[in-house]
Amino acid sequence: MAEAKNVLTVSIVTPDGPVYTNENCSLAVVQTQSGDLGIMANHIPVIAALQIAPAEFKNQDGQSDTIAVNGGFVEFSNNELTIVADSAERKDQIDVDRANSAKERAQREIEEANSKHDADTMKRAEVELRRALNRINVANQR
């Protein structure tokens, strides 16, 4: 059981299904709407909305995983951390060329929306840009 080993069980799910599972996590770090949140075993229960940002998971053996999480929320209780995300990708599954294309497309949309003073399109394009940058940043981490 997770409590006996003093570790977290982590799972990330999206509408498309499970993305990541880790039963040997010693530290999870996520970016919430209120700021960074670090969670270790026996942390108090928490539910928080997530930013578009990387989520990092460190194992007891020193290995770490970084996942590009694009919004959603995190819930933690009884040493089980669950992230329900709009979308999420493991570092090794990110198509960098596709992410760069999405970035360029979003930048063009922002320029067009700005010239037309279209606030709704601007907001959507800014979210698309943040998602693309998140994916690129996670893919380029060593």
N, C-alpha and C. Protein backbone atom coordinates (compact mmCIF):
# COMPACT_ATOMS: atom_id res chain seq x y z
N MET A 1 0.83 -1.18 0.00
CA MET A 1 0.00 0.00 0.00
C MET A 1 0.88 1.25 0.00
N ALA A 2 0.44 2.32 -0.61
CA ALA A 2 1.24 3.53 -0.78
C ALA A 2 1.68 4.13 0.54
N GLU A 3 0.82 4.14 1.58
CA GLU A 3 1.18 4.76 2.85
C GLU A 3 2.38 4.08 3.49
N ALA A 4 2.46 2.76 3.40
CA ALA A 4 3.53 2.02 4.04
C ALA A 4 4.88 2.37 3.43
N LYS A 5 4.93 2.65 2.13
CA LYS A 5 6.18 2.96 1.46
C LYS A 5 6.48 4.46 1.48
N ASN A 6 5.54 5.25 1.99
CA ASN A 6 5.72 6.70 2.07
C ASN A 6 5.91 7.33 0.69
N VAL A 7 5.13 6.86 -0.27
CA VAL A 7 5.17 7.38 -1.64
C VAL A 7 3.75 7.74 -2.08
N LEU A 8 3.70 8.45 -3.21
CA LEU A 8 2.42 8.80 -3.82
C LEU A 8 2.15 7.87 -4.99
N THR A 9 0.88 7.65 -5.24
CA THR A 9 0.45 7.02 -6.48
C THR A 9 -0.13 8.14 -7.33
N VAL A 10 0.42 8.32 -8.54
CA VAL A 10 0.03 9.41 -9.43
C VAL A 10 -0.65 8.84 -10.65
N SER A 11 -1.74 9.49 -11.06
CA SER A 11 -2.35 9.14 -12.34
C SER A 11 -2.83 10.42 -13.02
N ILE A 12 -2.59 10.47 -14.33
CA ILE A 12 -3.06 11.59 -15.15
C ILE A 12 -3.99 11.00 -16.19
N VAL A 13 -5.21 11.56 -16.24
CA VAL A 13 -6.19 11.11 -17.21
C VAL A 13 -6.71 12.31 -18.00
N THR A 14 -7.08 12.04 -19.24
CA THR A 14 -7.67 13.04 -20.12
C THR A 14 -8.96 12.44 -20.69
N PRO A 15 -9.73 13.22 -21.42
CA PRO A 15 -10.92 12.65 -22.05
C PRO A 15 -10.59 11.48 -22.99
N ASP A 16 -9.35 11.41 -23.47
CA ASP A 16 -8.93 10.32 -24.35
C ASP A 16 -8.44 9.09 -23.59
N GLY A 17 -8.33 9.19 -22.28
CA GLY A 17 -7.89 8.04 -21.49
C GLY A 17 -6.68 8.35 -20.64
N PRO A 18 -6.11 7.31 -19.99
CA PRO A 18 -4.94 7.49 -19.13
C PRO A 18 -3.71 7.92 -19.93
N VAL A 19 -2.92 8.81 -19.34
CA VAL A 19 -1.70 9.30 -19.98
C VAL A 19 -0.47 8.88 -19.20
N TYR A 20 -0.58 8.83 -17.87
CA TYR A 20 0.61 8.59 -17.04
C TYR A 20 0.17 7.96 -15.72
N THR A 21 0.97 7.00 -15.27
CA THR A 21 0.76 6.37 -13.97
C THR A 21 2.12 6.18 -13.32
N ASN A 22 2.20 6.44 -12.01
CA ASN A 22 3.45 6.29 -11.28
C ASN A 22 3.08 5.88 -9.85
N GLU A 23 3.52 4.72 -9.44
CA GLU A 23 3.22 4.23 -8.08
C GLU A 23 4.41 4.38 -7.14
N ASN A 24 5.46 5.10 -7.58
CA ASN A 24 6.69 5.23 -6.79
C ASN A 24 7.14 6.68 -6.72
N CYS A 25 6.19 7.61 -6.63
CA CYS A 25 6.51 9.03 -6.67
C CYS A 25 6.78 9.56 -5.25
N SER A 26 7.90 10.25 -5.09
CA SER A 26 8.21 10.84 -3.78
C SER A 26 7.86 12.32 -3.73
N LEU A 27 7.79 13.00 -4.90
CA LEU A 27 7.45 14.42 -4.95
C LEU A 27 6.76 14.74 -6.27
N ALA A 28 5.63 15.43 -6.18
CA ALA A 28 4.93 15.92 -7.37
C ALA A 28 4.90 17.43 -7.28
N VAL A 29 5.18 18.11 -8.40
CA VAL A 29 5.12 19.57 -8.46
C VAL A 29 4.25 19.95 -9.64
N VAL A 30 3.18 20.70 -9.36
CA VAL A 30 2.26 21.16 -10.40
C VAL A 30 2.06 22.66 -10.25
N GLN A 31 1.66 23.30 -11.35
CA GLN A 31 1.35 24.72 -11.30
C GLN A 31 -0.16 24.89 -11.26
N THR A 32 -0.64 25.43 -10.14
CA THR A 32 -2.07 25.68 -9.99
C THR A 32 -2.36 27.14 -10.37
N GLN A 33 -3.63 27.48 -10.41
CA GLN A 33 -4.03 28.86 -10.68
C GLN A 33 -3.48 29.80 -9.60
N SER A 34 -3.18 29.26 -8.41
CA SER A 34 -2.67 30.07 -7.29
C SER A 34 -1.15 30.04 -7.15
N GLY A 35 -0.47 29.23 -7.97
CA GLY A 35 0.98 29.13 -7.88
C GLY A 35 1.44 27.68 -7.85
N ASP A 36 2.75 27.49 -7.67
CA ASP A 36 3.30 26.14 -7.65
C ASP A 36 2.84 25.40 -6.40
N LEU A 37 2.62 24.10 -6.56
CA LEU A 37 2.19 23.25 -5.46
C LEU A 37 3.05 22.00 -5.47
N GLY A 38 3.78 21.78 -4.37
CA GLY A 38 4.57 20.56 -4.21
C GLY A 38 3.84 19.63 -3.26
N ILE A 39 3.77 18.37 -3.63
CA ILE A 39 3.04 17.39 -2.81
C ILE A 39 3.94 16.19 -2.55
N MET A 40 4.05 15.84 -1.28
CA MET A 40 4.77 14.64 -0.86
C MET A 40 3.78 13.75 -0.11
N ALA A 41 4.22 12.55 0.23
CA ALA A 41 3.36 11.62 0.96
C ALA A 41 2.81 12.27 2.22
N ASN A 42 1.59 11.96 2.54
CA ASN A 42 0.88 12.41 3.73
C ASN A 42 0.56 13.90 3.73
N HIS A 43 0.58 14.53 2.57
CA HIS A 43 0.16 15.93 2.42
C HIS A 43 -1.33 16.02 2.75
N ILE A 44 -1.77 17.18 3.19
CA ILE A 44 -3.19 17.35 3.46
C ILE A 44 -3.97 17.24 2.14
N PRO A 45 -5.21 16.81 2.19
CA PRO A 45 -6.01 16.73 0.96
C PRO A 45 -6.14 18.10 0.29
N VAL A 46 -6.16 18.09 -1.04
CA VAL A 46 -6.23 19.34 -1.79
C VAL A 46 -6.91 19.08 -3.13
N ILE A 47 -7.63 20.09 -3.60
CA ILE A 47 -8.16 20.13 -4.96
C ILE A 47 -7.83 21.51 -5.48
N ALA A 48 -7.28 21.57 -6.70
CA ALA A 48 -6.90 22.87 -7.26
C ALA A 48 -6.99 22.84 -8.78
N ALA A 49 -7.33 23.99 -9.36
CA ALA A 49 -7.32 24.15 -10.81
C ALA A 49 -5.89 24.32 -11.28
N LEU A 50 -5.57 23.74 -12.43
CA LEU A 50 -4.21 23.77 -12.96
C LEU A 50 -4.04 24.78 -14.08
N GLN A 51 -2.83 25.30 -14.16
CA GLN A 51 -2.40 26.15 -15.28
C GLN A 51 -1.98 25.26 -16.44
N ILE A 52 -1.78 25.85 -17.58
CA ILE A 52 -1.13 25.17 -18.70
C ILE A 52 0.35 25.22 -18.38
N ALA A 53 0.93 24.10 -17.95
CA ALA A 53 2.31 24.08 -17.48
C ALA A 53 2.79 22.64 -17.32
N PRO A 54 4.10 22.46 -17.21
CA PRO A 54 4.61 21.11 -16.95
C PRO A 54 4.25 20.64 -15.55
N ALA A 55 4.06 19.34 -15.40
CA ALA A 55 3.92 18.70 -14.10
C ALA A 55 5.13 17.79 -13.95
N GLU A 56 5.79 17.86 -12.79
CA GLU A 56 7.01 17.09 -12.58
C GLU A 56 6.81 16.08 -11.46
N PHE A 57 7.35 14.89 -11.68
CA PHE A 57 7.20 13.81 -10.72
C PHE A 57 8.57 13.18 -10.48
N LYS A 58 9.01 13.20 -9.21
CA LYS A 58 10.30 12.63 -8.85
C LYS A 58 10.07 11.33 -8.10
N ASN A 59 10.82 10.32 -8.50
CA ASN A 59 10.72 9.01 -7.87
C ASN A 59 11.72 8.87 -6.74
N GLN A 60 11.53 7.86 -5.90
CA GLN A 60 12.46 7.62 -4.80
C GLN A 60 13.85 7.29 -5.30
N ASP A 61 13.97 6.73 -6.48
CA ASP A 61 15.28 6.35 -7.02
C ASP A 61 16.00 7.51 -7.72
N GLY A 62 15.42 8.71 -7.67
CA GLY A 62 16.06 9.88 -8.26
C GLY A 62 15.63 10.18 -9.69
N GLN A 63 14.96 9.25 -10.33
CA GLN A 63 14.45 9.48 -11.68
C GLN A 63 13.29 10.48 -11.62
N SER A 64 13.07 11.21 -12.72
CA SER A 64 11.94 12.13 -12.75
C SER A 64 11.26 12.08 -14.11
N ASP A 65 10.00 12.42 -14.12
CA ASP A 65 9.20 12.49 -15.34
C ASP A 65 8.56 13.87 -15.41
N THR A 66 8.49 14.41 -16.62
CA THR A 66 7.82 15.69 -16.83
C THR A 66 6.73 15.48 -17.86
N ILE A 67 5.54 15.95 -17.54
CA ILE A 67 4.38 15.80 -18.41
C ILE A 67 3.86 17.19 -18.75
N ALA A 68 3.57 17.42 -20.04
CA ALA A 68 2.96 18.68 -20.47
C ALA A 68 1.46 18.58 -20.18
N VAL A 69 1.01 19.33 -19.17
CA VAL A 69 -0.39 19.31 -18.76
C VAL A 69 -1.04 20.61 -19.22
N ASN A 70 -2.14 20.47 -19.94
CA ASN A 70 -2.82 21.64 -20.50
C ASN A 70 -4.15 21.88 -19.81
N GLY A 71 -4.06 22.42 -18.60
CA GLY A 71 -5.26 22.76 -17.85
C GLY A 71 -5.85 21.55 -17.14
N GLY A 72 -6.98 21.78 -16.48
CA GLY A 72 -7.65 20.72 -15.73
C GLY A 72 -7.57 20.99 -14.25
N PHE A 73 -7.57 19.91 -13.45
CA PHE A 73 -7.45 20.07 -12.00
C PHE A 73 -6.69 18.90 -11.40
N VAL A 74 -6.18 19.14 -10.19
CA VAL A 74 -5.47 18.12 -9.43
C VAL A 74 -6.25 17.85 -8.16
N GLU A 75 -6.30 16.57 -7.77
CA GLU A 75 -6.95 16.18 -6.51
C GLU A 75 -5.98 15.25 -5.80
N PHE A 76 -5.77 15.50 -4.50
CA PHE A 76 -4.88 14.66 -3.71
C PHE A 76 -5.54 14.31 -2.40
N SER A 77 -5.54 13.01 -2.08
CA SER A 77 -5.95 12.53 -0.76
C SER A 77 -5.48 11.09 -0.61
N ASN A 78 -5.23 10.69 0.62
CA ASN A 78 -4.80 9.32 0.93
C ASN A 78 -3.62 8.86 0.07
N ASN A 79 -2.67 9.76 -0.14
CA ASN A 79 -1.45 9.50 -0.91
C ASN A 79 -1.73 9.09 -2.36
N GLU A 80 -2.87 9.52 -2.87
CA GLU A 80 -3.19 9.31 -4.29
C GLU A 80 -3.42 10.67 -4.93
N LEU A 81 -2.64 10.97 -5.95
CA LEU A 81 -2.74 12.22 -6.68
C LEU A 81 -3.31 11.92 -8.06
N THR A 82 -4.40 12.60 -8.39
CA THR A 82 -5.02 12.42 -9.69
C THR A 82 -5.09 13.77 -10.39
N ILE A 83 -4.64 13.79 -11.62
CA ILE A 83 -4.79 14.97 -12.46
C ILE A 83 -5.77 14.62 -13.56
N VAL A 84 -6.83 15.41 -13.65
CA VAL A 84 -7.78 15.29 -14.75
C VAL A 84 -7.51 16.51 -15.63
N ALA A 85 -6.94 16.25 -16.80
CA ALA A 85 -6.47 17.33 -17.66
C ALA A 85 -7.26 17.40 -18.96
N ASP A 86 -7.34 18.61 -19.50
CA ASP A 86 -7.95 18.79 -20.82
C ASP A 86 -7.16 17.97 -21.84
N SER A 87 -5.84 18.05 -21.76
CA SER A 87 -4.94 17.22 -22.55
C SER A 87 -3.61 17.16 -21.81
N ALA A 88 -2.85 16.12 -22.07
CA ALA A 88 -1.54 15.94 -21.43
C ALA A 88 -0.71 15.02 -22.30
N GLU A 89 0.60 15.28 -22.34
CA GLU A 89 1.51 14.46 -23.14
C GLU A 89 2.80 14.21 -22.38
N ARG A 90 3.25 12.98 -22.47
CA ARG A 90 4.56 12.63 -21.94
C ARG A 90 5.62 13.24 -22.82
N LYS A 91 6.74 13.56 -22.24
CA LYS A 91 7.85 14.20 -22.97
C LYS A 91 8.22 13.43 -24.23
N ASP A 92 8.31 12.11 -24.12
CA ASP A 92 8.74 11.29 -25.26
C ASP A 92 7.66 11.12 -26.33
N GLN A 93 6.46 11.60 -26.08
CA GLN A 93 5.38 11.47 -27.06
C GLN A 93 5.05 12.78 -27.78
N ILE A 94 5.76 13.83 -27.44
CA ILE A 94 5.47 15.14 -28.04
C ILE A 94 6.09 15.24 -29.42
N ASP A 95 5.26 15.59 -30.39
CA ASP A 95 5.72 15.84 -31.75
C ASP A 95 6.12 17.32 -31.81
N VAL A 96 7.43 17.58 -31.75
CA VAL A 96 7.93 18.95 -31.68
C VAL A 96 7.60 19.73 -32.95
N ASP A 97 7.68 19.10 -34.11
CA ASP A 97 7.33 19.80 -35.35
C ASP A 97 5.87 20.24 -35.34
N ARG A 98 5.01 19.37 -34.88
CA ARG A 98 3.58 19.71 -34.78
C ARG A 98 3.36 20.84 -33.78
N ALA A 99 4.07 20.79 -32.66
CA ALA A 99 3.95 21.84 -31.64
C ALA A 99 4.46 23.17 -32.19
N ASN A 100 5.55 23.15 -32.94
CA ASN A 100 6.07 24.38 -33.54
C ASN A 100 5.08 24.94 -34.57
N SER A 101 4.44 24.07 -35.34
CA SER A 101 3.43 24.52 -36.30
C SER A 101 2.25 25.16 -35.57
N ALA A 102 1.83 24.54 -34.46
CA ALA A 102 0.73 25.10 -33.67
C ALA A 102 1.11 26.46 -33.10
N LYS A 103 2.36 26.59 -32.68
CA LYS A 103 2.85 27.87 -32.15
C LYS A 103 2.78 28.96 -33.23
N GLU A 104 3.29 28.64 -34.40
CA GLU A 104 3.29 29.62 -35.50
C GLU A 104 1.86 29.99 -35.90
N ARG A 105 0.98 29.00 -35.96
CA ARG A 105 -0.43 29.25 -36.30
C ARG A 105 -1.08 30.17 -35.26
N ALA A 106 -0.82 29.89 -33.99
CA ALA A 106 -1.39 30.71 -32.91
C ALA A 106 -0.86 32.14 -32.97
N GLN A 107 0.42 32.29 -33.26
CA GLN A 107 1.00 33.63 -33.37
C GLN A 107 0.36 34.42 -34.51
N ARG A 108 0.11 33.74 -35.64
CA ARG A 108 -0.57 34.40 -36.76
C ARG A 108 -1.99 34.81 -36.36
N GLU A 109 -2.69 33.92 -35.67
CA GLU A 109 -4.06 34.21 -35.23
C GLU A 109 -4.09 35.40 -34.27
N ILE A 110 -3.09 35.48 -33.40
CA ILE A 110 -3.01 36.60 -32.46
C ILE A 110 -2.81 37.91 -33.22
N GLU A 111 -1.92 37.90 -34.20
CA GLU A 111 -1.69 39.11 -35.01
C GLU A 111 -2.96 39.54 -35.74
N GLU A 112 -3.67 38.58 -36.35
CA GLU A 112 -4.90 38.89 -37.06
C GLU A 112 -5.97 39.42 -36.10
N ALA A 113 -6.12 38.75 -34.97
CA ALA A 113 -7.13 39.17 -33.99
C ALA A 113 -6.82 40.55 -33.45
N ASN A 114 -5.54 40.83 -33.25
CA ASN A 114 -5.13 42.14 -32.75
C ASN A 114 -5.46 43.24 -33.76
N SER A 115 -5.19 42.96 -35.04
CA SER A 115 -5.48 43.97 -36.07
C SER A 115 -6.97 44.20 -36.25
N LYS A 116 -7.78 43.16 -35.94
CA LYS A 116 -9.24 43.28 -36.08
C LYS A 116 -9.92 43.65 -34.76
N HIS A 117 -9.13 43.76 -33.69
CA HIS A 117 -9.65 44.05 -32.35
C HIS A 117 -10.70 43.01 -31.94
N ASP A 118 -10.40 41.74 -32.23
CA ASP A 118 -11.29 40.61 -31.93
C ASP A 118 -10.82 39.94 -30.64
N ALA A 119 -11.41 40.34 -29.53
CA ALA A 119 -10.96 39.87 -28.21
C ALA A 119 -11.18 38.36 -28.03
N ASP A 120 -12.29 37.82 -28.52
CA ASP A 120 -12.57 36.39 -28.34
C ASP A 120 -11.55 35.53 -29.08
N THR A 121 -11.28 35.87 -30.33
CA THR A 121 -10.28 35.13 -31.09
C THR A 121 -8.91 35.28 -30.47
N MET A 122 -8.61 36.46 -29.95
CA MET A 122 -7.33 36.72 -29.29
C MET A 122 -7.16 35.79 -28.09
N LYS A 123 -8.19 35.66 -27.25
CA LYS A 123 -8.10 34.80 -26.07
C LYS A 123 -7.88 33.35 -26.46
N ARG A 124 -8.63 32.87 -27.45
CA ARG A 124 -8.46 31.48 -27.90
C ARG A 124 -7.06 31.25 -28.45
N ALA A 125 -6.55 32.18 -29.23
CA ALA A 125 -5.22 32.03 -29.82
C ALA A 125 -4.14 32.08 -28.73
N GLU A 126 -4.34 32.90 -27.71
CA GLU A 126 -3.36 32.96 -26.62
C GLU A 126 -3.30 31.63 -25.86
N VAL A 127 -4.45 30.99 -25.67
CA VAL A 127 -4.47 29.66 -25.03
C VAL A 127 -3.76 28.65 -25.92
N GLU A 128 -4.04 28.67 -27.21
CA GLU A 128 -3.36 27.77 -28.15
C GLU A 128 -1.85 27.98 -28.11
N LEU A 129 -1.42 29.24 -28.02
CA LEU A 129 0.01 29.54 -27.96
C LEU A 129 0.62 28.99 -26.67
N ARG A 130 -0.05 29.20 -25.53
CA ARG A 130 0.48 28.68 -24.26
C ARG A 130 0.59 27.15 -24.29
N ARG A 131 -0.39 26.48 -24.89
CA ARG A 131 -0.33 25.02 -24.99
C ARG A 131 0.85 24.58 -25.85
N ALA A 132 1.03 25.23 -26.99
CA ALA A 132 2.13 24.88 -27.88
C ALA A 132 3.48 25.11 -27.19
N LEU A 133 3.63 26.25 -26.52
CA LEU A 133 4.88 26.55 -25.82
C LEU A 133 5.14 25.56 -24.69
N ASN A 134 4.09 25.16 -23.98
CA ASN A 134 4.22 24.17 -22.92
C ASN A 134 4.76 22.86 -23.49
N ARG A 135 4.19 22.41 -24.59
CA ARG A 135 4.64 21.17 -25.23
C ARG A 135 6.09 21.29 -25.69
N ILE A 136 6.43 22.41 -26.31
CA ILE A 136 7.81 22.62 -26.79
C ILE A 136 8.79 22.63 -25.62
N ASN A 137 8.45 23.35 -24.56
CA ASN A 137 9.34 23.43 -23.40
C ASN A 137 9.57 22.07 -22.75
N VAL A 138 8.51 21.29 -22.61
CA VAL A 138 8.65 19.95 -22.01
C VAL A 138 9.49 19.06 -22.92
N ALA A 139 9.24 19.10 -24.21
CA ALA A 139 9.99 18.26 -25.15
C ALA A 139 11.48 18.60 -25.15
N ASN A 140 11.82 19.86 -24.92
CA ASN A 140 13.21 20.29 -24.98
C ASN A 140 13.95 20.16 -23.65
N GLN A 141 13.27 19.74 -22.59
CA GLN A 141 13.95 19.55 -21.30
C GLN A 141 14.88 18.34 -21.39
N ARG A 142 15.99 18.44 -20.68
CA ARG A 142 16.95 17.33 -20.67
C ARG A 142 16.67 16.40 -19.54
